[in-house]
Structures are given as C-alpha cells and as structure tokens.
Amino acid sequence: MNKPRDNELADQPHDHNQRSSRSYEINGQWYFELRGGGQKGPYDSKQEMQADLNEFIQLHEHMNQQNP
C-alpha cells in the first residue's frame, strides 16, 4: 500500500483523475502545487483552478507521450 502524502488522510479514497490534494485555498484564492515545487494561481474559484489543473495535467501527459 502506498504511503499517503503529508497532506492526505490515510483512509481518504484517492481519485487519480482529480488531484485535489495538490490544491488549496488561501483567503478566498485557489492555488495548485506543481511537482518539483512551485505553484500556479491565484484563481478566483475552485472550479477555475480545477479546470486549469486538469488542462495542465493533460498537457504534461501529452508531452510525456511524445517524449518517452
């Protein structure tokens, strides 16, 4: 079994299509963490942040498929 990240609960179900553990809210502004450090944001809503995160993940998955 995989060890959960520090910000995840061990008994929390994991949905690998949505990386909610990479997102967070500060003072009404939404951000998501990038692998290797850094962040993207702020976004005015969780929905706006999630849409950009999904696009970001798809772009990087596509790039990884092009450059094996």
PDB file of N, CA and C in Angstrom:
ATOM      1  N   MET A   1       0.847  -1.186   0.000  1.00  0.00           N
ATOM      2  CA  MET A   1       0.000   0.000   0.000  1.00  0.00           C
ATOM      3  C   MET A   1       0.883   1.237   0.000  1.00  0.00           C
ATOM      4  N   ASN A   2       0.499   2.244  -0.744  1.00  0.00           N
ATOM      5  CA  ASN A   2       1.273   3.469  -0.818  1.00  0.00           C
ATOM      6  C   ASN A   2       1.067   4.316   0.417  1.00  0.00           C
ATOM      7  N   LYS A   3       2.133   4.951   0.864  1.00  0.00           N
ATOM      8  CA  LYS A   3       2.049   5.863   1.987  1.00  0.00           C
ATOM      9  C   LYS A   3       1.410   7.165   1.501  1.00  0.00           C
ATOM     10  N   PRO A   4       0.414   7.698   2.225  1.00  0.00           N
ATOM     11  CA  PRO A   4      -0.210   8.943   1.789  1.00  0.00           C
ATOM     12  C   PRO A   4       0.763  10.111   1.914  1.00  0.00           C
ATOM     13  N   ARG A   5       0.547  11.129   1.099  1.00  0.00           N
ATOM     14  CA  ARG A   5       1.323  12.358   1.224  1.00  0.00           C
ATOM     15  C   ARG A   5       1.006  12.996   2.558  1.00  0.00           C
ATOM     16  N   ASP A   6       1.864  13.890   3.005  1.00  0.00           N
ATOM     17  CA  ASP A   6       1.679  14.526   4.305  1.00  0.00           C
ATOM     18  C   ASP A   6       0.335  15.215   4.429  1.00  0.00           C
ATOM     19  N   ASN A   7      -0.204  15.746   3.326  1.00  0.00           N
ATOM     20  CA  ASN A   7      -1.458  16.490   3.391  1.00  0.00           C
ATOM     21  C   ASN A   7      -2.671  15.625   3.048  1.00  0.00           C
ATOM     22  N   GLU A   8      -2.512  14.302   2.997  1.00  0.00           N
ATOM     23  CA  GLU A   8      -3.614  13.394   2.715  1.00  0.00           C
ATOM     24  C   GLU A   8      -3.899  12.533   3.941  1.00  0.00           C
ATOM     25  N   LEU A   9      -5.144  12.157   4.098  1.00  0.00           N
ATOM     26  CA  LEU A   9      -5.516  11.247   5.157  1.00  0.00           C
ATOM     27  C   LEU A   9      -5.356   9.819   4.675  1.00  0.00           C
ATOM     28  N   ALA A  10      -4.893   8.932   5.542  1.00  0.00           N
ATOM     29  CA  ALA A  10      -4.631   7.553   5.148  1.00  0.00           C
ATOM     30  C   ALA A  10      -5.890   6.837   4.693  1.00  0.00           C
ATOM     31  N   ASP A  11      -7.046   7.146   5.298  1.00  0.00           N
ATOM     32  CA  ASP A  11      -8.281   6.451   4.948  1.00  0.00           C
ATOM     33  C   ASP A  11      -9.085   7.182   3.876  1.00  0.00           C
ATOM     34  N   GLN A  12      -8.531   8.242   3.311  1.00  0.00           N
ATOM     35  CA  GLN A  12      -9.217   9.024   2.283  1.00  0.00           C
ATOM     36  C   GLN A  12      -9.102   8.310   0.941  1.00  0.00           C
ATOM     37  N   PRO A  13     -10.227   8.122   0.223  1.00  0.00           N
ATOM     38  CA  PRO A  13     -10.128   7.483  -1.094  1.00  0.00           C
ATOM     39  C   PRO A  13      -9.373   8.377  -2.063  1.00  0.00           C
ATOM     40  N   HIS A  14      -8.622   7.746  -2.964  1.00  0.00           N
ATOM     41  CA  HIS A  14      -7.818   8.501  -3.923  1.00  0.00           C
ATOM     42  C   HIS A  14      -8.450   8.417  -5.294  1.00  0.00           C
ATOM     43  N   ASP A  15      -8.699   9.564  -5.891  1.00  0.00           N
ATOM     44  CA  ASP A  15      -9.180   9.648  -7.265  1.00  0.00           C
ATOM     45  C   ASP A  15      -8.052  10.260  -8.067  1.00  0.00           C
ATOM     46  N   HIS A  16      -7.331   9.424  -8.824  1.00  0.00           N
ATOM     47  CA  HIS A  16      -6.148   9.898  -9.518  1.00  0.00           C
ATOM     48  C   HIS A  16      -6.479  10.788 -10.701  1.00  0.00           C
ATOM     49  N   ASN A  17      -7.754  10.887 -11.101  1.00  0.00           N
ATOM     50  CA  ASN A  17      -8.130  11.800 -12.164  1.00  0.00           C
ATOM     51  C   ASN A  17      -8.288  13.224 -11.652  1.00  0.00           C
ATOM     52  N   GLN A  18      -8.519  13.366 -10.371  1.00  0.00           N
ATOM     53  CA  GLN A  18      -8.602  14.690  -9.767  1.00  0.00           C
ATOM     54  C   GLN A  18      -7.556  14.761  -8.684  1.00  0.00           C
ATOM     55  N   ARG A  19      -6.639  15.677  -8.807  1.00  0.00           N
ATOM     56  CA  ARG A  19      -5.541  15.786  -7.877  1.00  0.00           C
ATOM     57  C   ARG A  19      -5.859  16.828  -6.817  1.00  0.00           C
ATOM     58  N   SER A  20      -6.968  16.629  -6.093  1.00  0.00           N
ATOM     59  CA  SER A  20      -7.404  17.627  -5.128  1.00  0.00           C
ATOM     60  C   SER A  20      -6.371  17.842  -4.035  1.00  0.00           C
ATOM     61  N   SER A  21      -5.528  16.841  -3.747  1.00  0.00           N
ATOM     62  CA  SER A  21      -4.519  17.007  -2.717  1.00  0.00           C
ATOM     63  C   SER A  21      -3.462  18.022  -3.136  1.00  0.00           C
ATOM     64  N   ARG A  22      -3.421  18.378  -4.411  1.00  0.00           N
ATOM     65  CA  ARG A  22      -2.472  19.366  -4.903  1.00  0.00           C
ATOM     66  C   ARG A  22      -3.056  20.765  -4.865  1.00  0.00           C
ATOM     67  N   SER A  23      -4.307  20.906  -4.482  1.00  0.00           N
ATOM     68  CA  SER A  23      -4.948  22.223  -4.493  1.00  0.00           C
ATOM     69  C   SER A  23      -5.213  22.695  -3.070  1.00  0.00           C
ATOM     70  N   TYR A  24      -5.251  24.012  -2.927  1.00  0.00           N
ATOM     71  CA  TYR A  24      -5.534  24.597  -1.627  1.00  0.00           C
ATOM     72  C   TYR A  24      -6.066  26.009  -1.813  1.00  0.00           C
ATOM     73  N   GLU A  25      -6.678  26.525  -0.752  1.00  0.00           N
ATOM     74  CA  GLU A  25      -7.312  27.840  -0.767  1.00  0.00           C
ATOM     75  C   GLU A  25      -6.709  28.691   0.333  1.00  0.00           C
ATOM     76  N   ILE A  26      -6.371  29.920  -0.016  1.00  0.00           N
ATOM     77  CA  ILE A  26      -5.862  30.886   0.958  1.00  0.00           C
ATOM     78  C   ILE A  26      -6.600  32.196   0.737  1.00  0.00           C
ATOM     79  N   ASN A  27      -7.285  32.656   1.769  1.00  0.00           N
ATOM     80  CA  ASN A  27      -8.009  33.938   1.711  1.00  0.00           C
ATOM     81  C   ASN A  27      -8.909  34.056   0.487  1.00  0.00           C
ATOM     82  N   GLY A  28      -9.622  32.981   0.166  1.00  0.00           N
ATOM     83  CA  GLY A  28     -10.570  33.003  -0.943  1.00  0.00           C
ATOM     84  C   GLY A  28      -9.947  32.838  -2.316  1.00  0.00           C
ATOM     85  N   GLN A  29      -8.647  32.648  -2.398  1.00  0.00           N
ATOM     86  CA  GLN A  29      -7.947  32.443  -3.658  1.00  0.00           C
ATOM     87  C   GLN A  29      -7.452  31.000  -3.717  1.00  0.00           C
ATOM     88  N   TRP A  30      -7.577  30.376  -4.890  1.00  0.00           N
ATOM     89  CA  TRP A  30      -7.218  28.965  -5.068  1.00  0.00           C
ATOM     90  C   TRP A  30      -5.904  28.824  -5.813  1.00  0.00           C
ATOM     91  N   TYR A  31      -5.129  27.806  -5.433  1.00  0.00           N
ATOM     92  CA  TYR A  31      -3.816  27.511  -6.000  1.00  0.00           C
ATOM     93  C   TYR A  31      -3.685  26.006  -6.169  1.00  0.00           C
ATOM     94  N   PHE A  32      -2.730  25.573  -7.014  1.00  0.00           N
ATOM     95  CA  PHE A  32      -2.332  24.172  -7.005  1.00  0.00           C
ATOM     96  C   PHE A  32      -0.821  24.084  -7.070  1.00  0.00           C
ATOM     97  N   GLU A  33      -0.304  23.023  -6.451  1.00  0.00           N
ATOM     98  CA  GLU A  33       1.130  22.807  -6.377  1.00  0.00           C
ATOM     99  C   GLU A  33       1.625  22.086  -7.619  1.00  0.00           C
ATOM    100  N   LEU A  34       2.823  22.438  -8.038  1.00  0.00           N
ATOM    101  CA  LEU A  34       3.478  21.786  -9.153  1.00  0.00           C
ATOM    102  C   LEU A  34       4.461  20.752  -8.608  1.00  0.00           C
ATOM    103  N   ARG A  35       4.636  19.674  -9.323  1.00  0.00           N
ATOM    104  CA  ARG A  35       5.653  18.704  -8.921  1.00  0.00           C
ATOM    105  C   ARG A  35       7.001  19.367  -9.004  1.00  0.00           C
ATOM    106  N   GLY A  36       7.843  19.076  -8.039  1.00  0.00           N
ATOM    107  CA  GLY A  36       9.162  19.682  -8.022  1.00  0.00           C
ATOM    108  C   GLY A  36       9.176  21.059  -7.385  1.00  0.00           C
ATOM    109  N   GLY A  37       8.048  21.471  -6.858  1.00  0.00           N
ATOM    110  CA  GLY A  37       7.964  22.763  -6.193  1.00  0.00           C
ATOM    111  C   GLY A  37       7.258  23.800  -7.044  1.00  0.00           C
ATOM    112  N   GLY A  38       6.884  24.857  -6.433  1.00  0.00           N
ATOM    113  CA  GLY A  38       6.185  25.926  -7.120  1.00  0.00           C
ATOM    114  C   GLY A  38       4.681  25.767  -7.032  1.00  0.00           C
ATOM    115  N   GLN A  39       3.995  26.760  -7.540  1.00  0.00           N
ATOM    116  CA  GLN A  39       2.539  26.760  -7.505  1.00  0.00           C
ATOM    117  C   GLN A  39       1.996  27.553  -8.674  1.00  0.00           C
ATOM    118  N   LYS A  40       0.732  27.313  -8.996  1.00  0.00           N
ATOM    119  CA  LYS A  40       0.015  28.098 -10.002  1.00  0.00           C
ATOM    120  C   LYS A  40      -1.189  28.705  -9.324  1.00  0.00           C
ATOM    121  N   GLY A  41      -1.445  29.931  -9.641  1.00  0.00           N
ATOM    122  CA  GLY A  41      -2.569  30.641  -9.068  1.00  0.00           C
ATOM    123  C   GLY A  41      -2.161  32.075  -8.834  1.00  0.00           C
ATOM    124  N   PRO A  42      -3.005  32.875  -8.311  1.00  0.00           N
ATOM    125  CA  PRO A  42      -4.288  32.524  -7.710  1.00  0.00           C
ATOM    126  C   PRO A  42      -5.422  32.460  -8.734  1.00  0.00           C
ATOM    127  N   TYR A  43      -6.450  31.694  -8.359  1.00  0.00           N
ATOM    128  CA  TYR A  43      -7.690  31.581  -9.119  1.00  0.00           C
ATOM    129  C   TYR A  43      -8.814  32.071  -8.226  1.00  0.00           C
ATOM    130  N   ASP A  44      -9.811  32.674  -8.829  1.00  0.00           N
ATOM    131  CA  ASP A  44     -10.930  33.217  -8.058  1.00  0.00           C
ATOM    132  C   ASP A  44     -11.881  32.156  -7.541  1.00  0.00           C
ATOM    133  N   SER A  45     -11.882  30.973  -8.171  1.00  0.00           N
ATOM    134  CA  SER A  45     -12.786  29.918  -7.717  1.00  0.00           C
ATOM    135  C   SER A  45     -12.096  28.561  -7.804  1.00  0.00           C
ATOM    136  N   LYS A  46     -12.608  27.622  -7.042  1.00  0.00           N
ATOM    137  CA  LYS A  46     -12.085  26.261  -7.085  1.00  0.00           C
ATOM    138  C   LYS A  46     -12.320  25.653  -8.470  1.00  0.00           C
ATOM    139  N   GLN A  47     -13.450  25.960  -9.083  1.00  0.00           N
ATOM    140  CA  GLN A  47     -13.770  25.417 -10.401  1.00  0.00           C
ATOM    141  C   GLN A  47     -12.776  25.915 -11.448  1.00  0.00           C
ATOM    142  N   GLU A  48     -12.428  27.205 -11.407  1.00  0.00           N
ATOM    143  CA  GLU A  48     -11.456  27.776 -12.340  1.00  0.00           C
ATOM    144  C   GLU A  48     -10.082  27.121 -12.143  1.00  0.00           C
ATOM    145  N   MET A  49      -9.679  26.949 -10.887  1.00  0.00           N
ATOM    146  CA  MET A  49      -8.407  26.312 -10.576  1.00  0.00           C
ATOM    147  C   MET A  49      -8.408  24.870 -11.064  1.00  0.00           C
ATOM    148  N   GLN A  50      -9.496  24.125 -10.798  1.00  0.00           N
ATOM    149  CA  GLN A  50      -9.571  22.715 -11.180  1.00  0.00           C
ATOM    150  C   GLN A  50      -9.519  22.553 -12.696  1.00  0.00           C
ATOM    151  N   ALA A  51     -10.173  23.435 -13.428  1.00  0.00           N
ATOM    152  CA  ALA A  51     -10.147  23.370 -14.890  1.00  0.00           C
ATOM    153  C   ALA A  51      -8.726  23.580 -15.412  1.00  0.00           C
ATOM    154  N   ASP A  52      -8.002  24.547 -14.855  1.00  0.00           N
ATOM    155  CA  ASP A  52      -6.633  24.796 -15.289  1.00  0.00           C
ATOM    156  C   ASP A  52      -5.710  23.652 -14.865  1.00  0.00           C
ATOM    157  N   LEU A  53      -5.925  23.100 -13.689  1.00  0.00           N
ATOM    158  CA  LEU A  53      -5.135  21.954 -13.233  1.00  0.00           C
ATOM    159  C   LEU A  53      -5.334  20.767 -14.160  1.00  0.00           C
ATOM    160  N   ASN A  54      -6.575  20.476 -14.517  1.00  0.00           N
ATOM    161  CA  ASN A  54      -6.852  19.360 -15.427  1.00  0.00           C
ATOM    162  C   ASN A  54      -6.175  19.585 -16.776  1.00  0.00           C
ATOM    163  N   GLU A  55      -6.236  20.809 -17.295  1.00  0.00           N
ATOM    164  CA  GLU A  55      -5.582  21.137 -18.564  1.00  0.00           C
ATOM    165  C   GLU A  55      -4.063  20.982 -18.438  1.00  0.00           C
ATOM    166  N   PHE A  56      -3.505  21.432 -17.335  1.00  0.00           N
ATOM    167  CA  PHE A  56      -2.072  21.324 -17.070  1.00  0.00           C
ATOM    168  C   PHE A  56      -1.639  19.856 -17.054  1.00  0.00           C
ATOM    169  N   ILE A  57      -2.407  19.004 -16.377  1.00  0.00           N
ATOM    170  CA  ILE A  57      -2.087  17.579 -16.298  1.00  0.00           C
ATOM    171  C   ILE A  57      -2.167  16.943 -17.681  1.00  0.00           C
ATOM    172  N   GLN A  58      -3.215  17.250 -18.432  1.00  0.00           N
ATOM    173  CA  GLN A  58      -3.358  16.690 -19.778  1.00  0.00           C
ATOM    174  C   GLN A  58      -2.205  17.113 -20.678  1.00  0.00           C
ATOM    175  N   LEU A  59      -1.797  18.360 -20.598  1.00  0.00           N
ATOM    176  CA  LEU A  59      -0.687  18.847 -21.407  1.00  0.00           C
ATOM    177  C   LEU A  59       0.589  18.082 -21.090  1.00  0.00           C
ATOM    178  N   HIS A  60       0.865  17.896 -19.811  1.00  0.00           N
ATOM    179  CA  HIS A  60       2.088  17.194 -19.420  1.00  0.00           C
ATOM    180  C   HIS A  60       2.024  15.709 -19.745  1.00  0.00           C
ATOM    181  N   GLU A  61       0.852  15.107 -19.646  1.00  0.00           N
ATOM    182  CA  GLU A  61       0.717  13.709 -20.052  1.00  0.00           C
ATOM    183  C   GLU A  61       0.960  13.578 -21.551  1.00  0.00           C
ATOM    184  N   HIS A  62       0.438  14.506 -22.332  1.00  0.00           N
ATOM    185  CA  HIS A  62       0.643  14.504 -23.784  1.00  0.00           C
ATOM    186  C   HIS A  62       2.130  14.683 -24.114  1.00  0.00           C
ATOM    187  N   MET A  63       2.787  15.597 -23.424  1.00  0.00           N
ATOM    188  CA  MET A  63       4.209  15.832 -23.659  1.00  0.00           C
ATOM    189  C   MET A  63       5.028  14.592 -23.300  1.00  0.00           C
ATOM    190  N   ASN A  64       4.668  13.902 -22.230  1.00  0.00           N
ATOM    191  CA  ASN A  64       5.379  12.677 -21.836  1.00  0.00           C
ATOM    192  C   ASN A  64       5.181  11.573 -22.840  1.00  0.00           C
ATOM    193  N   GLN A  65       4.025  11.509 -23.490  1.00  0.00           N
ATOM    194  CA  GLN A  65       3.780  10.504 -24.509  1.00  0.00           C
ATOM    195  C   GLN A  65       4.588  10.798 -25.769  1.00  0.00           C
ATOM    196  N   GLN A  66       4.813  12.071 -26.067  1.00  0.00           N
ATOM    197  CA  GLN A  66       5.579  12.467 -27.239  1.00  0.00           C
ATOM    198  C   GLN A  66       7.076  12.272 -27.041  1.00  0.00           C
ATOM    199  N   ASN A  67       7.531  12.339 -25.802  1.00  0.00           N
ATOM    200  CA  ASN A  67       8.959  12.230 -25.480  1.00  0.00           C
ATOM    201  C   ASN A  67       9.181  11.092 -24.486  1.00  0.00           C
ATOM    202  N   PRO A  68       9.077   9.833 -24.928  1.00  0.00           N
ATOM    203  CA  PRO A  68       9.231   8.703 -23.999  1.00  0.00           C
ATOM    204  C   PRO A  68      10.629   8.559 -23.456  1.00  0.00           C
TER     205      PRO A  68
END
